[in-house]
Protein backbone atom coordinates (compact mmCIF):
# COMPACT_ATOMS: atom_id res chain seq x y z
CA UNK A 1 0.00 0.00 0.00
CA UNK A 2 1.48 3.33 -1.00
CA UNK A 3 0.99 6.68 0.77
CA UNK A 4 -1.95 7.70 -1.45
CA UNK A 5 -3.82 4.43 -0.81
CA UNK A 6 -3.14 4.64 2.90
CA UNK A 7 -4.42 8.20 3.00
CA UNK A 8 -7.56 7.30 1.09
CA UNK A 9 -8.23 4.39 3.47
CA UNK A 10 -7.86 6.64 6.51
CA UNK A 11 -10.08 9.34 4.96
CA UNK A 12 -12.78 6.80 4.08
CA UNK A 13 -12.78 5.41 7.64
CA UNK A 14 -12.92 8.91 9.14
CA UNK A 15 -15.86 9.84 6.95
CA UNK A 16 -17.63 6.56 7.71
CA UNK A 17 -17.40 7.50 11.39
CA UNK A 18 -18.76 10.99 10.57
CA UNK A 19 -15.68 12.65 12.04
CA UNK A 20 -14.12 15.87 10.82
CA UNK A 21 -10.40 16.19 10.32
CA UNK A 22 -10.29 18.45 13.35
CA UNK A 23 -12.08 15.92 15.55
CA UNK A 24 -9.85 13.10 14.36
CA UNK A 25 -6.69 15.13 14.80
CA UNK A 26 -7.77 15.97 18.36
CA UNK A 27 -8.38 12.28 19.11
CA UNK A 28 -4.96 11.37 17.69
CA UNK A 29 -3.25 14.33 19.39
CA UNK A 30 -1.81 15.62 16.11
CA UNK A 31 -2.37 18.77 14.10
CA UNK A 32 -5.08 19.01 11.48
CA UNK A 33 -2.37 19.86 8.93
CA UNK A 34 -0.52 16.60 9.63
CA UNK A 35 -3.74 14.61 9.27
CA UNK A 36 -4.60 16.41 6.03
CA UNK A 37 -1.13 15.74 4.64
CA UNK A 38 -1.40 12.08 5.67
CA UNK A 39 -4.84 11.69 4.06
CA UNK A 40 -3.55 13.29 0.86
CA UNK A 41 -0.41 11.16 0.65
CA UNK A 42 1.87 14.15 1.29
CA UNK A 43 3.05 13.20 4.77
CA UNK A 44 5.92 10.82 5.35
CA UNK A 45 4.32 8.17 7.47
CA UNK A 46 5.79 8.01 10.95
CA UNK A 47 4.76 4.92 12.86
CA UNK A 48 3.75 6.85 16.00
CA UNK A 49 1.48 9.17 14.00
CA UNK A 50 -0.02 6.32 11.99
CA UNK A 51 -0.66 4.35 15.17
CA UNK A 52 -2.34 7.35 16.82
CA UNK A 53 -4.60 7.98 13.82
CA UNK A 54 -5.46 4.29 13.45
CA UNK A 55 -6.33 4.08 17.14
CA UNK A 56 -8.47 7.22 16.92
CA UNK A 57 -10.35 5.63 14.02
CA UNK A 58 -10.72 2.23 15.72
CA UNK A 59 -8.41 0.54 13.23
CA UNK A 60 -5.66 -2.02 13.76
CA UNK A 61 -2.27 -1.94 12.08
CA UNK A 62 -1.16 -5.13 10.43
CA UNK A 63 2.48 -4.64 9.46
CA UNK A 64 4.34 -7.22 7.44
CA UNK A 65 8.07 -6.88 7.01
CA UNK A 66 9.79 -8.56 4.10
CA UNK A 67 13.52 -8.89 4.24
CA UNK A 68 15.36 -9.28 0.97
PDB file of N, CA and C in Angstrom:
ATOM      1  N   UNK A   1       0.859  -1.167   0.000  1.00  0.00           N
ATOM      2  CA  UNK A   1       0.000   0.000   0.000  1.00  0.00           C
ATOM      3  C   UNK A   1       0.908   1.234   0.000  1.00  0.00           C
ATOM      4  N   UNK A   2       0.675   2.109  -0.949  1.00  0.00           N
ATOM      5  CA  UNK A   2       1.476   3.332  -0.998  1.00  0.00           C
ATOM      6  C   UNK A   2       0.806   4.433  -0.170  1.00  0.00           C
ATOM      7  N   UNK A   3       1.463   5.578  -0.077  1.00  0.00           N
ATOM      8  CA  UNK A   3       0.988   6.680   0.767  1.00  0.00           C
ATOM      9  C   UNK A   3      -0.393   7.179   0.339  1.00  0.00           C
ATOM     10  N   UNK A   4      -0.647   7.233  -0.963  1.00  0.00           N
ATOM     11  CA  UNK A   4      -1.949   7.703  -1.447  1.00  0.00           C
ATOM     12  C   UNK A   4      -3.067   6.734  -1.065  1.00  0.00           C
ATOM     13  N   UNK A   5      -2.813   5.440  -1.189  1.00  0.00           N
ATOM     14  CA  UNK A   5      -3.816   4.432  -0.815  1.00  0.00           C
ATOM     15  C   UNK A   5      -4.068   4.446   0.690  1.00  0.00           C
ATOM     16  N   UNK A   6      -3.009   4.579   1.451  1.00  0.00           N
ATOM     17  CA  UNK A   6      -3.138   4.643   2.900  1.00  0.00           C
ATOM     18  C   UNK A   6      -3.981   5.854   3.295  1.00  0.00           C
ATOM     19  N   UNK A   7      -3.665   6.990   2.709  1.00  0.00           N
ATOM     20  CA  UNK A   7      -4.424   8.202   3.002  1.00  0.00           C
ATOM     21  C   UNK A   7      -5.893   8.065   2.654  1.00  0.00           C
ATOM     22  N   UNK A   8      -6.170   7.482   1.513  1.00  0.00           N
ATOM     23  CA  UNK A   8      -7.560   7.296   1.086  1.00  0.00           C
ATOM     24  C   UNK A   8      -8.305   6.360   2.040  1.00  0.00           C
ATOM     25  N   UNK A   9      -7.628   5.330   2.517  1.00  0.00           N
ATOM     26  CA  UNK A   9      -8.233   4.393   3.471  1.00  0.00           C
ATOM     27  C   UNK A   9      -8.558   5.100   4.782  1.00  0.00           C
ATOM     28  N   UNK A  10      -7.618   5.901   5.271  1.00  0.00           N
ATOM     29  CA  UNK A  10      -7.859   6.635   6.513  1.00  0.00           C
ATOM     30  C   UNK A  10      -8.995   7.642   6.351  1.00  0.00           C
ATOM     31  N   UNK A  11      -9.015   8.352   5.218  1.00  0.00           N
ATOM     32  CA  UNK A  11     -10.077   9.337   4.958  1.00  0.00           C
ATOM     33  C   UNK A  11     -11.444   8.648   4.903  1.00  0.00           C
ATOM     34  N   UNK A  12     -11.513   7.518   4.206  1.00  0.00           N
ATOM     35  CA  UNK A  12     -12.782   6.799   4.082  1.00  0.00           C
ATOM     36  C   UNK A  12     -13.286   6.347   5.452  1.00  0.00           C
ATOM     37  N   UNK A  13     -12.393   5.856   6.293  1.00  0.00           N
ATOM     38  CA  UNK A  13     -12.782   5.408   7.639  1.00  0.00           C
ATOM     39  C   UNK A  13     -13.256   6.603   8.469  1.00  0.00           C
ATOM     40  N   UNK A  14     -12.529   7.711   8.395  1.00  0.00           N
ATOM     41  CA  UNK A  14     -12.915   8.905   9.141  1.00  0.00           C
ATOM     42  C   UNK A  14     -14.306   9.369   8.736  1.00  0.00           C
ATOM     43  N   UNK A  15     -14.552   9.403   7.442  1.00  0.00           N
ATOM     44  CA  UNK A  15     -15.863   9.843   6.946  1.00  0.00           C
ATOM     45  C   UNK A  15     -16.958   8.864   7.318  1.00  0.00           C
ATOM     46  N   UNK A  16     -16.641   7.563   7.310  1.00  0.00           N
ATOM     47  CA  UNK A  16     -17.626   6.555   7.706  1.00  0.00           C
ATOM     48  C   UNK A  16     -18.038   6.728   9.169  1.00  0.00           C
ATOM     49  N   UNK A  17     -17.120   7.247   9.978  1.00  0.00           N
ATOM     50  CA  UNK A  17     -17.403   7.502  11.389  1.00  0.00           C
ATOM     51  C   UNK A  17     -18.000   8.894  11.613  1.00  0.00           C
ATOM     52  N   UNK A  18     -18.196   9.632  10.522  1.00  0.00           N
ATOM     53  CA  UNK A  18     -18.763  10.988  10.574  1.00  0.00           C
ATOM     54  C   UNK A  18     -17.925  11.911  11.447  1.00  0.00           C
ATOM     55  N   UNK A  19     -16.601  11.793  11.308  1.00  0.00           N
ATOM     56  CA  UNK A  19     -15.681  12.652  12.039  1.00  0.00           C
ATOM     57  C   UNK A  19     -15.065  13.676  11.093  1.00  0.00           C
ATOM     58  N   UNK A  20     -14.845  14.865  11.590  1.00  0.00           N
ATOM     59  CA  UNK A  20     -14.124  15.870  10.818  1.00  0.00           C
ATOM     60  C   UNK A  20     -12.627  15.625  10.983  1.00  0.00           C
ATOM     61  N   UNK A  21     -11.841  16.279  10.144  1.00  0.00           N
ATOM     62  CA  UNK A  21     -10.397  16.188  10.315  1.00  0.00           C
ATOM     63  C   UNK A  21      -9.991  16.757  11.671  1.00  0.00           C
ATOM     64  N   UNK A  22     -10.614  17.826  12.078  1.00  0.00           N
ATOM     65  CA  UNK A  22     -10.289  18.449  13.350  1.00  0.00           C
ATOM     66  C   UNK A  22     -10.577  17.507  14.522  1.00  0.00           C
ATOM     67  N   UNK A  23     -11.723  16.872  14.490  1.00  0.00           N
ATOM     68  CA  UNK A  23     -12.076  15.925  15.553  1.00  0.00           C
ATOM     69  C   UNK A  23     -11.099  14.757  15.599  1.00  0.00           C
ATOM     70  N   UNK A  24     -10.766  14.232  14.427  1.00  0.00           N
ATOM     71  CA  UNK A  24      -9.852  13.099  14.356  1.00  0.00           C
ATOM     72  C   UNK A  24      -8.458  13.493  14.813  1.00  0.00           C
ATOM     73  N   UNK A  25      -8.009  14.655  14.389  1.00  0.00           N
ATOM     74  CA  UNK A  25      -6.694  15.133  14.804  1.00  0.00           C
ATOM     75  C   UNK A  25      -6.645  15.306  16.324  1.00  0.00           C
ATOM     76  N   UNK A  26      -7.714  15.829  16.905  1.00  0.00           N
ATOM     77  CA  UNK A  26      -7.768  15.973  18.363  1.00  0.00           C
ATOM     78  C   UNK A  26      -7.682  14.608  19.045  1.00  0.00           C
ATOM     79  N   UNK A  27      -8.410  13.625  18.536  1.00  0.00           N
ATOM     80  CA  UNK A  27      -8.382  12.277  19.108  1.00  0.00           C
ATOM     81  C   UNK A  27      -6.995  11.646  19.006  1.00  0.00           C
ATOM     82  N   UNK A  28      -6.290  11.940  17.917  1.00  0.00           N
ATOM     83  CA  UNK A  28      -4.961  11.371  17.687  1.00  0.00           C
ATOM     84  C   UNK A  28      -3.848  12.231  18.280  1.00  0.00           C
ATOM     85  N   UNK A  29      -4.205  13.384  18.813  1.00  0.00           N
ATOM     86  CA  UNK A  29      -3.246  14.331  19.393  1.00  0.00           C
ATOM     87  C   UNK A  29      -2.183  14.760  18.372  1.00  0.00           C
ATOM     88  N   UNK A  30      -2.666  15.093  17.168  1.00  0.00           N
ATOM     89  CA  UNK A  30      -1.810  15.617  16.106  1.00  0.00           C
ATOM     90  C   UNK A  30      -2.481  16.860  15.544  1.00  0.00           C
ATOM     91  N   UNK A  31      -1.765  17.587  14.705  1.00  0.00           N
ATOM     92  CA  UNK A  31      -2.372  18.770  14.097  1.00  0.00           C
ATOM     93  C   UNK A  31      -3.257  18.373  12.919  1.00  0.00           C
ATOM     94  N   UNK A  32      -4.204  19.236  12.635  1.00  0.00           N
ATOM     95  CA  UNK A  32      -5.084  19.009  11.476  1.00  0.00           C
ATOM     96  C   UNK A  32      -4.266  18.995  10.192  1.00  0.00           C
ATOM     97  N   UNK A  33      -3.224  19.826  10.124  1.00  0.00           N
ATOM     98  CA  UNK A  33      -2.370  19.864   8.931  1.00  0.00           C
ATOM     99  C   UNK A  33      -1.684  18.522   8.709  1.00  0.00           C
ATOM    100  N   UNK A  34      -1.178  17.909   9.770  1.00  0.00           N
ATOM    101  CA  UNK A  34      -0.516  16.604   9.632  1.00  0.00           C
ATOM    102  C   UNK A  34      -1.514  15.561   9.148  1.00  0.00           C
ATOM    103  N   UNK A  35      -2.716  15.560   9.709  1.00  0.00           N
ATOM    104  CA  UNK A  35      -3.737  14.608   9.272  1.00  0.00           C
ATOM    105  C   UNK A  35      -4.101  14.847   7.814  1.00  0.00           C
ATOM    106  N   UNK A  36      -4.280  16.094   7.423  1.00  0.00           N
ATOM    107  CA  UNK A  36      -4.596  16.414   6.035  1.00  0.00           C
ATOM    108  C   UNK A  36      -3.499  15.925   5.095  1.00  0.00           C
ATOM    109  N   UNK A  37      -2.254  16.196   5.463  1.00  0.00           N
ATOM    110  CA  UNK A  37      -1.134  15.742   4.638  1.00  0.00           C
ATOM    111  C   UNK A  37      -1.104  14.220   4.552  1.00  0.00           C
ATOM    112  N   UNK A  38      -1.381  13.548   5.660  1.00  0.00           N
ATOM    113  CA  UNK A  38      -1.405  12.085   5.673  1.00  0.00           C
ATOM    114  C   UNK A  38      -2.514  11.560   4.764  1.00  0.00           C
ATOM    115  N   UNK A  39      -3.704  12.124   4.884  1.00  0.00           N
ATOM    116  CA  UNK A  39      -4.839  11.688   4.064  1.00  0.00           C
ATOM    117  C   UNK A  39      -4.606  11.945   2.580  1.00  0.00           C
ATOM    118  N   UNK A  40      -3.807  12.948   2.259  1.00  0.00           N
ATOM    119  CA  UNK A  40      -3.550  13.291   0.859  1.00  0.00           C
ATOM    120  C   UNK A  40      -2.244  12.721   0.330  1.00  0.00           C
ATOM    121  N   UNK A  41      -1.629  11.832   1.102  1.00  0.00           N
ATOM    122  CA  UNK A  41      -0.411  11.163   0.647  1.00  0.00           C
ATOM    123  C   UNK A  41       0.804  12.064   0.611  1.00  0.00           C
ATOM    124  N   UNK A  42       0.744  13.205   1.305  1.00  0.00           N
ATOM    125  CA  UNK A  42       1.866  14.146   1.295  1.00  0.00           C
ATOM    126  C   UNK A  42       2.766  13.999   2.510  1.00  0.00           C
ATOM    127  N   UNK A  43       2.301  13.320   3.522  1.00  0.00           N
ATOM    128  CA  UNK A  43       3.052  13.204   4.773  1.00  0.00           C
ATOM    129  C   UNK A  43       3.864  11.912   4.769  1.00  0.00           C
ATOM    130  N   UNK A  44       5.130  12.017   5.132  1.00  0.00           N
ATOM    131  CA  UNK A  44       5.925  10.819   5.350  1.00  0.00           C
ATOM    132  C   UNK A  44       5.336  10.134   6.569  1.00  0.00           C
ATOM    133  N   UNK A  45       5.033   8.878   6.416  1.00  0.00           N
ATOM    134  CA  UNK A  45       4.318   8.173   7.467  1.00  0.00           C
ATOM    135  C   UNK A  45       5.266   7.778   8.594  1.00  0.00           C
ATOM    136  N   UNK A  46       5.073   8.410   9.746  1.00  0.00           N
ATOM    137  CA  UNK A  46       5.789   8.011  10.953  1.00  0.00           C
ATOM    138  C   UNK A  46       4.900   7.022  11.698  1.00  0.00           C
ATOM    139  N   UNK A  47       5.515   5.979  12.215  1.00  0.00           N
ATOM    140  CA  UNK A  47       4.756   4.923  12.860  1.00  0.00           C
ATOM    141  C   UNK A  47       3.946   5.442  14.046  1.00  0.00           C
ATOM    142  N   UNK A  48       4.492   6.346  14.839  1.00  0.00           N
ATOM    143  CA  UNK A  48       3.749   6.850  15.998  1.00  0.00           C
ATOM    144  C   UNK A  48       2.512   7.636  15.576  1.00  0.00           C
ATOM    145  N   UNK A  49       2.628   8.404  14.499  1.00  0.00           N
ATOM    146  CA  UNK A  49       1.480   9.165  14.001  1.00  0.00           C
ATOM    147  C   UNK A  49       0.447   8.223  13.396  1.00  0.00           C
ATOM    148  N   UNK A  50       0.898   7.282  12.600  1.00  0.00           N
ATOM    149  CA  UNK A  50      -0.019   6.317  11.985  1.00  0.00           C
ATOM    150  C   UNK A  50      -0.749   5.515  13.054  1.00  0.00           C
ATOM    151  N   UNK A  51      -0.042   5.098  14.080  1.00  0.00           N
ATOM    152  CA  UNK A  51      -0.656   4.351  15.170  1.00  0.00           C
ATOM    153  C   UNK A  51      -1.705   5.199  15.885  1.00  0.00           C
ATOM    154  N   UNK A  52      -1.398   6.460  16.137  1.00  0.00           N
ATOM    155  CA  UNK A  52      -2.339   7.352  16.819  1.00  0.00           C
ATOM    156  C   UNK A  52      -3.598   7.562  15.991  1.00  0.00           C
ATOM    157  N   UNK A  53      -3.438   7.772  14.695  1.00  0.00           N
ATOM    158  CA  UNK A  53      -4.602   7.978  13.819  1.00  0.00           C
ATOM    159  C   UNK A  53      -5.419   6.699  13.717  1.00  0.00           C
ATOM    160  N   UNK A  54      -4.754   5.568  13.530  1.00  0.00           N
ATOM    161  CA  UNK A  54      -5.464   4.289  13.447  1.00  0.00           C
ATOM    162  C   UNK A  54      -6.250   4.024  14.724  1.00  0.00           C
ATOM    163  N   UNK A  55      -5.646   4.278  15.861  1.00  0.00           N
ATOM    164  CA  UNK A  55      -6.329   4.078  17.142  1.00  0.00           C
ATOM    165  C   UNK A  55      -7.533   5.004  17.255  1.00  0.00           C
ATOM    166  N   UNK A  56      -7.365   6.253  16.873  1.00  0.00           N
ATOM    167  CA  UNK A  56      -8.468   7.220  16.920  1.00  0.00           C
ATOM    168  C   UNK A  56      -9.629   6.783  16.037  1.00  0.00           C
ATOM    169  N   UNK A  57      -9.315   6.081  14.964  1.00  0.00           N
ATOM    170  CA  UNK A  57     -10.348   5.630  14.020  1.00  0.00           C
ATOM    171  C   UNK A  57     -10.802   4.192  14.291  1.00  0.00           C
ATOM    172  N   UNK A  58     -10.317   3.596  15.372  1.00  0.00           N
ATOM    173  CA  UNK A  58     -10.724   2.233  15.718  1.00  0.00           C
ATOM    174  C   UNK A  58     -10.189   1.197  14.763  1.00  0.00           C
ATOM    175  N   UNK A  59      -9.019   1.456  14.201  1.00  0.00           N
ATOM    176  CA  UNK A  59      -8.415   0.542  13.234  1.00  0.00           C
ATOM    177  C   UNK A  59      -7.201  -0.136  13.860  1.00  0.00           C
ATOM    178  N   UNK A  60      -6.859  -1.314  13.344  1.00  0.00           N
ATOM    179  CA  UNK A  60      -5.658  -2.020  13.755  1.00  0.00           C
ATOM    180  C   UNK A  60      -4.623  -1.921  12.653  1.00  0.00           C
ATOM    181  N   UNK A  61      -3.368  -1.906  13.055  1.00  0.00           N
ATOM    182  CA  UNK A  61      -2.273  -1.938  12.085  1.00  0.00           C
ATOM    183  C   UNK A  61      -1.806  -3.368  11.937  1.00  0.00           C
ATOM    184  N   UNK A  62      -1.683  -3.800  10.712  1.00  0.00           N
ATOM    185  CA  UNK A  62      -1.156  -5.126  10.427  1.00  0.00           C
ATOM    186  C   UNK A  62       0.067  -4.888   9.555  1.00  0.00           C
ATOM    187  N   UNK A  63       1.242  -4.933  10.158  1.00  0.00           N
ATOM    188  CA  UNK A  63       2.476  -4.644   9.459  1.00  0.00           C
ATOM    189  C   UNK A  63       3.188  -5.930   9.123  1.00  0.00           C
ATOM    190  N   UNK A  64       3.580  -6.070   7.878  1.00  0.00           N
ATOM    191  CA  UNK A  64       4.339  -7.220   7.444  1.00  0.00           C
ATOM    192  C   UNK A  64       5.678  -6.713   6.916  1.00  0.00           C
ATOM    193  N   UNK A  65       6.736  -7.273   7.426  1.00  0.00           N
ATOM    194  CA  UNK A  65       8.067  -6.876   7.008  1.00  0.00           C
ATOM    195  C   UNK A  65       8.661  -7.995   6.158  1.00  0.00           C
ATOM    196  N   UNK A  66       9.138  -7.612   4.988  1.00  0.00           N
ATOM    197  CA  UNK A  66       9.787  -8.560   4.099  1.00  0.00           C
ATOM    198  C   UNK A  66      11.240  -8.192   3.994  1.00  0.00           C
ATOM    199  N   UNK A  67      12.091  -9.111   4.329  1.00  0.00           N
ATOM    200  CA  UNK A  67      13.520  -8.886   4.239  1.00  0.00           C
ATOM    201  C   UNK A  67      14.046  -9.530   2.972  1.00  0.00           C
ATOM    202  N   UNK A  68      14.824  -8.767   2.223  1.00  0.00           N
ATOM    203  CA  UNK A  68      15.363  -9.280   0.972  1.00  0.00           C
ATOM    204  C   UNK A  68      16.699  -9.948   1.213  1.00  0.00           C
TER     205      UNK A  68
END
